N, C-alpha and C. Protein backbone atom coordinates (compact mmCIF):
# COMPACT_ATOMS: atom_id res chain seq x y z
N MET A 1 -9.06 22.36 19.10
CA MET A 1 -8.42 21.13 18.69
C MET A 1 -8.10 21.15 17.19
N ALA A 2 -8.93 21.81 16.40
CA ALA A 2 -8.70 21.84 14.96
C ALA A 2 -7.35 22.46 14.63
N ALA A 3 -6.96 23.49 15.35
CA ALA A 3 -5.67 24.12 15.10
C ALA A 3 -4.54 23.14 15.38
N GLY A 4 -4.67 22.35 16.44
CA GLY A 4 -3.65 21.35 16.76
C GLY A 4 -3.54 20.30 15.68
N VAL A 5 -4.67 19.89 15.12
CA VAL A 5 -4.64 18.89 14.05
C VAL A 5 -3.95 19.47 12.82
N LEU A 6 -4.27 20.73 12.48
CA LEU A 6 -3.63 21.34 11.32
C LEU A 6 -2.13 21.46 11.51
N LEU A 7 -1.70 21.83 12.71
CA LEU A 7 -0.27 21.92 12.97
C LEU A 7 0.39 20.56 12.92
N ALA A 8 -0.31 19.52 13.36
CA ALA A 8 0.27 18.19 13.42
C ALA A 8 0.52 17.61 12.03
N VAL A 9 -0.24 18.05 11.03
CA VAL A 9 -0.10 17.45 9.71
C VAL A 9 0.78 18.26 8.78
N ALA A 10 1.23 19.40 9.21
CA ALA A 10 2.07 20.23 8.34
C ALA A 10 3.48 19.64 8.22
N GLY A 11 4.08 19.79 7.05
CA GLY A 11 5.48 19.45 6.92
C GLY A 11 5.81 18.18 6.18
N CYS A 12 4.85 17.33 5.89
CA CYS A 12 5.15 16.08 5.17
C CYS A 12 4.72 16.23 3.72
N GLY A 13 5.49 15.69 2.81
CA GLY A 13 5.18 15.78 1.39
C GLY A 13 4.03 14.88 1.01
N SER A 14 3.39 15.17 -0.09
CA SER A 14 2.24 14.40 -0.53
C SER A 14 2.61 13.36 -1.58
N GLY A 15 3.79 13.42 -2.11
CA GLY A 15 4.18 12.47 -3.14
C GLY A 15 3.73 12.88 -4.53
N GLY A 16 3.03 14.02 -4.65
CA GLY A 16 2.66 14.53 -5.96
C GLY A 16 1.54 13.80 -6.65
N ASP A 17 0.79 12.92 -5.95
CA ASP A 17 -0.27 12.17 -6.61
C ASP A 17 -1.65 12.65 -6.21
N GLY A 18 -1.76 13.85 -5.64
CA GLY A 18 -3.05 14.40 -5.28
C GLY A 18 -3.48 14.08 -3.86
N ALA A 19 -2.78 13.20 -3.16
CA ALA A 19 -3.11 12.90 -1.77
C ALA A 19 -2.58 14.02 -0.89
N PRO A 20 -3.24 14.24 0.26
CA PRO A 20 -2.74 15.28 1.16
C PRO A 20 -1.43 14.85 1.80
N ALA A 21 -0.76 15.80 2.45
CA ALA A 21 0.44 15.48 3.21
C ALA A 21 0.08 14.42 4.25
N THR A 22 0.99 13.50 4.51
CA THR A 22 0.72 12.43 5.47
C THR A 22 0.55 13.01 6.86
N ALA A 23 -0.59 12.69 7.46
CA ALA A 23 -0.92 13.20 8.78
C ALA A 23 -0.05 12.59 9.86
N SER A 24 0.09 13.31 10.96
CA SER A 24 0.78 12.78 12.13
C SER A 24 0.02 13.27 13.35
N GLY A 25 0.38 12.76 14.51
CA GLY A 25 -0.26 13.20 15.74
C GLY A 25 -0.79 12.02 16.53
N SER A 26 -1.56 12.35 17.55
CA SER A 26 -2.13 11.33 18.43
C SER A 26 -3.27 10.60 17.72
N LEU A 27 -3.70 9.52 18.32
CA LEU A 27 -4.84 8.77 17.79
C LEU A 27 -6.07 9.68 17.67
N GLU A 28 -6.29 10.49 18.69
CA GLU A 28 -7.44 11.41 18.66
C GLU A 28 -7.31 12.45 17.55
N GLN A 29 -6.10 12.97 17.33
CA GLN A 29 -5.89 13.95 16.26
C GLN A 29 -6.11 13.32 14.89
N LEU A 30 -5.63 12.09 14.71
CA LEU A 30 -5.84 11.41 13.43
C LEU A 30 -7.32 11.12 13.21
N ALA A 31 -8.01 10.67 14.24
CA ALA A 31 -9.45 10.40 14.13
C ALA A 31 -10.21 11.67 13.79
N ALA A 32 -9.84 12.79 14.40
CA ALA A 32 -10.50 14.06 14.10
C ALA A 32 -10.29 14.44 12.64
N ARG A 33 -9.06 14.29 12.14
CA ARG A 33 -8.78 14.61 10.74
C ARG A 33 -9.53 13.68 9.80
N ALA A 34 -9.67 12.41 10.21
CA ALA A 34 -10.39 11.43 9.39
C ALA A 34 -11.90 11.60 9.52
N GLN A 35 -12.33 12.45 10.43
CA GLN A 35 -13.74 12.70 10.69
C GLN A 35 -14.47 11.42 11.06
N CYS A 36 -13.84 10.65 11.98
CA CYS A 36 -14.45 9.41 12.42
C CYS A 36 -14.65 9.42 13.93
N ARG A 37 -15.53 8.56 14.39
CA ARG A 37 -15.75 8.36 15.81
C ARG A 37 -14.86 7.20 16.23
N ALA A 38 -13.87 7.47 17.08
CA ALA A 38 -12.90 6.45 17.49
C ALA A 38 -13.34 5.79 18.79
N ASP A 39 -13.40 4.47 18.77
CA ASP A 39 -13.71 3.67 19.95
C ASP A 39 -12.40 2.99 20.36
N ILE A 40 -11.74 3.51 21.40
CA ILE A 40 -10.43 3.00 21.82
C ILE A 40 -10.54 1.57 22.31
N GLN A 41 -9.72 0.68 21.74
CA GLN A 41 -9.69 -0.73 22.11
C GLN A 41 -8.45 -1.07 22.93
N THR A 42 -7.32 -0.47 22.58
CA THR A 42 -6.06 -0.71 23.28
C THR A 42 -5.42 0.64 23.57
N ASP A 43 -5.01 0.85 24.81
CA ASP A 43 -4.39 2.11 25.21
C ASP A 43 -3.14 1.78 26.02
N ALA A 44 -2.04 1.51 25.33
CA ALA A 44 -0.78 1.13 25.98
C ALA A 44 0.31 2.09 25.53
N ALA A 45 1.44 2.05 26.22
CA ALA A 45 2.55 2.96 25.89
C ALA A 45 3.06 2.73 24.47
N GLU A 46 3.19 1.47 24.06
CA GLU A 46 3.80 1.17 22.76
C GLU A 46 2.84 1.32 21.59
N LEU A 47 1.52 1.16 21.83
CA LEU A 47 0.56 1.36 20.75
C LEU A 47 -0.82 1.66 21.32
N ARG A 48 -1.59 2.38 20.52
CA ARG A 48 -2.99 2.66 20.83
C ARG A 48 -3.80 2.25 19.62
N GLN A 49 -4.93 1.59 19.85
CA GLN A 49 -5.74 1.07 18.75
C GLN A 49 -7.20 1.42 18.99
N ALA A 50 -7.87 1.82 17.91
CA ALA A 50 -9.29 2.15 17.98
C ALA A 50 -9.99 1.67 16.72
N THR A 51 -11.25 1.30 16.86
CA THR A 51 -12.08 1.11 15.68
C THR A 51 -12.68 2.47 15.37
N CYS A 52 -12.76 2.79 14.09
CA CYS A 52 -13.28 4.09 13.66
C CYS A 52 -14.42 3.87 12.69
N GLU A 53 -15.45 4.69 12.85
CA GLU A 53 -16.57 4.68 11.92
C GLU A 53 -16.81 6.10 11.44
N SER A 54 -17.04 6.22 10.15
CA SER A 54 -17.35 7.50 9.53
C SER A 54 -18.39 7.22 8.44
N GLY A 55 -19.66 7.42 8.76
CA GLY A 55 -20.71 7.05 7.82
C GLY A 55 -20.70 5.55 7.62
N ASP A 56 -20.61 5.11 6.36
CA ASP A 56 -20.57 3.69 6.05
C ASP A 56 -19.16 3.11 6.13
N ARG A 57 -18.17 3.96 6.29
CA ARG A 57 -16.77 3.53 6.34
C ARG A 57 -16.42 3.03 7.73
N ARG A 58 -15.65 1.93 7.79
CA ARG A 58 -15.22 1.36 9.06
C ARG A 58 -13.81 0.82 8.89
N TYR A 59 -12.95 1.10 9.85
CA TYR A 59 -11.57 0.64 9.80
C TYR A 59 -10.98 0.67 11.19
N VAL A 60 -9.80 0.09 11.32
CA VAL A 60 -9.05 0.11 12.58
C VAL A 60 -7.89 1.07 12.41
N LEU A 61 -7.69 1.93 13.39
CA LEU A 61 -6.60 2.90 13.37
C LEU A 61 -5.67 2.59 14.54
N VAL A 62 -4.38 2.44 14.25
CA VAL A 62 -3.39 2.10 15.27
C VAL A 62 -2.27 3.12 15.22
N THR A 63 -1.91 3.68 16.38
CA THR A 63 -0.77 4.58 16.47
C THR A 63 0.31 3.90 17.30
N PHE A 64 1.56 4.24 17.01
CA PHE A 64 2.71 3.59 17.64
C PHE A 64 3.62 4.61 18.29
N GLU A 65 4.35 4.15 19.29
CA GLU A 65 5.31 5.01 19.97
C GLU A 65 6.43 5.44 19.03
N ASN A 66 6.80 4.55 18.09
CA ASN A 66 7.87 4.87 17.15
C ASN A 66 7.68 4.08 15.85
N ALA A 67 8.45 4.45 14.82
CA ALA A 67 8.34 3.81 13.51
C ALA A 67 8.74 2.33 13.57
N ARG A 68 9.65 1.98 14.47
CA ARG A 68 10.05 0.58 14.60
C ARG A 68 8.87 -0.28 15.05
N GLY A 69 8.10 0.22 16.02
CA GLY A 69 6.91 -0.49 16.47
C GLY A 69 5.92 -0.70 15.34
N ARG A 70 5.76 0.34 14.50
CA ARG A 70 4.87 0.22 13.34
C ARG A 70 5.36 -0.85 12.39
N ALA A 71 6.67 -0.88 12.11
CA ALA A 71 7.24 -1.86 11.19
C ALA A 71 7.06 -3.28 11.72
N GLU A 72 7.28 -3.47 13.01
CA GLU A 72 7.11 -4.80 13.61
C GLU A 72 5.65 -5.24 13.55
N TRP A 73 4.74 -4.32 13.81
CA TRP A 73 3.32 -4.63 13.75
C TRP A 73 2.91 -5.03 12.33
N LEU A 74 3.40 -4.28 11.33
CA LEU A 74 3.08 -4.60 9.94
C LEU A 74 3.61 -5.97 9.55
N ASP A 75 4.82 -6.32 10.01
CA ASP A 75 5.38 -7.64 9.69
C ASP A 75 4.48 -8.75 10.22
N GLU A 76 3.97 -8.60 11.43
CA GLU A 76 3.08 -9.61 12.00
C GLU A 76 1.72 -9.60 11.31
N ALA A 77 1.21 -8.43 10.97
CA ALA A 77 -0.10 -8.31 10.34
C ALA A 77 -0.12 -8.89 8.93
N ASP A 78 1.03 -8.94 8.27
CA ASP A 78 1.11 -9.50 6.91
C ASP A 78 0.50 -10.89 6.84
N ASP A 79 0.64 -11.66 7.90
CA ASP A 79 0.12 -13.03 7.90
C ASP A 79 -1.39 -13.07 7.75
N TYR A 80 -2.06 -11.98 8.07
CA TYR A 80 -3.52 -11.95 8.02
C TYR A 80 -4.06 -11.33 6.75
N GLY A 81 -3.18 -10.81 5.91
CA GLY A 81 -3.60 -10.19 4.67
C GLY A 81 -4.26 -8.85 4.92
N GLY A 82 -4.86 -8.29 3.90
CA GLY A 82 -5.59 -7.04 4.06
C GLY A 82 -4.93 -5.87 3.35
N THR A 83 -5.58 -4.74 3.46
CA THR A 83 -5.12 -3.49 2.87
C THR A 83 -4.86 -2.52 4.00
N TYR A 84 -3.71 -1.85 3.95
CA TYR A 84 -3.29 -0.93 5.00
C TYR A 84 -3.01 0.45 4.42
N LEU A 85 -3.29 1.46 5.23
CA LEU A 85 -2.86 2.81 4.93
C LEU A 85 -1.79 3.12 5.98
N VAL A 86 -0.58 3.43 5.52
CA VAL A 86 0.57 3.54 6.42
C VAL A 86 1.08 4.97 6.46
N GLY A 87 1.21 5.50 7.68
CA GLY A 87 1.80 6.81 7.92
C GLY A 87 3.08 6.62 8.73
N GLY A 88 3.67 7.71 9.19
CA GLY A 88 4.94 7.64 9.91
C GLY A 88 4.90 6.78 11.16
N ARG A 89 3.90 7.01 12.02
CA ARG A 89 3.77 6.23 13.26
C ARG A 89 2.35 5.70 13.43
N TRP A 90 1.68 5.45 12.32
CA TRP A 90 0.32 4.94 12.40
C TRP A 90 0.01 4.05 11.20
N VAL A 91 -1.01 3.22 11.40
CA VAL A 91 -1.52 2.35 10.34
C VAL A 91 -3.04 2.31 10.46
N ALA A 92 -3.72 2.32 9.34
CA ALA A 92 -5.16 2.08 9.30
C ALA A 92 -5.39 0.80 8.52
N VAL A 93 -6.31 -0.02 8.98
CA VAL A 93 -6.61 -1.31 8.35
C VAL A 93 -8.09 -1.34 8.02
N GLY A 94 -8.41 -1.74 6.79
CA GLY A 94 -9.82 -1.82 6.42
C GLY A 94 -9.97 -2.34 5.01
N GLY A 95 -11.18 -2.28 4.51
CA GLY A 95 -11.45 -2.67 3.14
C GLY A 95 -10.82 -1.68 2.17
N ARG A 96 -10.58 -2.12 0.97
CA ARG A 96 -9.92 -1.29 -0.04
C ARG A 96 -10.62 0.06 -0.23
N GLU A 97 -11.95 0.07 -0.33
CA GLU A 97 -12.67 1.33 -0.53
C GLU A 97 -12.58 2.23 0.69
N ASP A 98 -12.66 1.63 1.89
CA ASP A 98 -12.55 2.41 3.12
C ASP A 98 -11.17 3.07 3.21
N ILE A 99 -10.14 2.31 2.88
CA ILE A 99 -8.77 2.83 2.95
C ILE A 99 -8.55 3.91 1.90
N ALA A 100 -9.08 3.72 0.70
CA ALA A 100 -8.94 4.74 -0.36
C ALA A 100 -9.60 6.05 0.08
N SER A 101 -10.77 5.95 0.69
CA SER A 101 -11.47 7.14 1.17
C SER A 101 -10.69 7.81 2.31
N LEU A 102 -10.16 7.01 3.21
CA LEU A 102 -9.40 7.54 4.33
C LEU A 102 -8.12 8.24 3.87
N ARG A 103 -7.49 7.71 2.82
CA ARG A 103 -6.25 8.31 2.30
C ARG A 103 -6.48 9.75 1.84
N GLU A 104 -7.69 10.06 1.38
CA GLU A 104 -8.00 11.42 0.95
C GLU A 104 -7.91 12.40 2.12
N ARG A 105 -8.06 11.91 3.35
CA ARG A 105 -8.01 12.79 4.52
C ARG A 105 -6.69 12.71 5.27
N LEU A 106 -6.06 11.52 5.28
CA LEU A 106 -4.85 11.33 6.08
C LEU A 106 -3.56 11.23 5.27
N GLY A 107 -3.68 11.13 3.95
CA GLY A 107 -2.46 10.89 3.16
C GLY A 107 -1.95 9.50 3.46
N GLY A 108 -0.65 9.30 3.39
CA GLY A 108 -0.09 7.98 3.67
C GLY A 108 0.06 7.15 2.41
N THR A 109 0.49 5.91 2.61
CA THR A 109 0.75 4.99 1.52
C THR A 109 -0.15 3.77 1.65
N VAL A 110 -0.85 3.40 0.58
CA VAL A 110 -1.68 2.20 0.58
C VAL A 110 -0.80 1.00 0.30
N VAL A 111 -0.90 -0.02 1.16
CA VAL A 111 -0.10 -1.23 1.04
C VAL A 111 -1.01 -2.44 1.14
N ASP A 112 -0.85 -3.37 0.21
CA ASP A 112 -1.54 -4.66 0.29
C ASP A 112 -0.58 -5.67 0.89
N ALA A 113 -1.05 -6.46 1.84
CA ALA A 113 -0.21 -7.48 2.46
C ALA A 113 0.36 -8.42 1.41
N ALA A 114 -0.41 -8.72 0.38
CA ALA A 114 0.08 -9.62 -0.68
C ALA A 114 1.31 -9.04 -1.36
N ASP A 115 1.36 -7.71 -1.52
CA ASP A 115 2.50 -7.08 -2.15
C ASP A 115 3.73 -7.15 -1.25
N ARG A 116 3.53 -7.01 0.06
CA ARG A 116 4.65 -7.07 0.99
C ARG A 116 5.24 -8.48 1.03
N HIS A 117 4.39 -9.50 0.95
CA HIS A 117 4.88 -10.88 0.96
C HIS A 117 5.47 -11.30 -0.37
N GLY A 118 4.99 -10.68 -1.45
CA GLY A 118 5.37 -11.12 -2.78
C GLY A 118 6.75 -10.68 -3.22
N GLY A 119 7.49 -10.00 -2.36
CA GLY A 119 8.84 -9.59 -2.72
C GLY A 119 8.88 -8.63 -3.88
N GLY A 120 7.87 -7.76 -3.94
CA GLY A 120 7.88 -6.76 -4.99
C GLY A 120 7.01 -7.13 -6.18
N HIS A 121 6.48 -8.34 -6.22
CA HIS A 121 5.58 -8.72 -7.30
C HIS A 121 4.23 -8.08 -7.05
N HIS A 122 3.66 -7.49 -8.06
CA HIS A 122 2.42 -6.77 -7.88
C HIS A 122 1.25 -7.48 -8.53
N GLY A 123 1.33 -8.76 -8.71
CA GLY A 123 0.24 -9.52 -9.34
C GLY A 123 -1.02 -9.57 -8.52
N HIS A 124 -0.94 -9.31 -7.21
CA HIS A 124 -2.13 -9.40 -6.36
C HIS A 124 -2.85 -8.07 -6.24
N ARG A 125 -2.29 -7.01 -6.75
CA ARG A 125 -2.95 -5.70 -6.64
C ARG A 125 -4.12 -5.63 -7.59
N THR A 126 -5.16 -4.99 -7.14
CA THR A 126 -6.33 -4.75 -7.99
C THR A 126 -6.74 -3.30 -7.90
N ASP A 127 -5.80 -2.41 -8.19
CA ASP A 127 -6.05 -0.97 -8.04
C ASP A 127 -7.15 -0.53 -8.94
């Protein structure tokens, strides 16, 4: 399985900020790369969702059938606030420290719901 995970994450740029290339693949492949134990909560064609635990870190990992599904999910999730780690067809949701730690393994972009609602204003960020 490790070879499949390595193949799944090849090919995406890192953005030059020290983060790894953004991971891709199935929910199980992402969980393996994140080194977490995934407890599947939703297993549907359009999305799969699991709670993941890795040591003291805990977050929700969601994979989508396509990028449009991810975008629609993020639009709805904005109403609840939070910090997200966003990949091509996946999102992780958790506390700021959990997401920062996860980004070291999965790459992706950290997004605060406050920033998405603020129309580009970054007054709510506390990096």
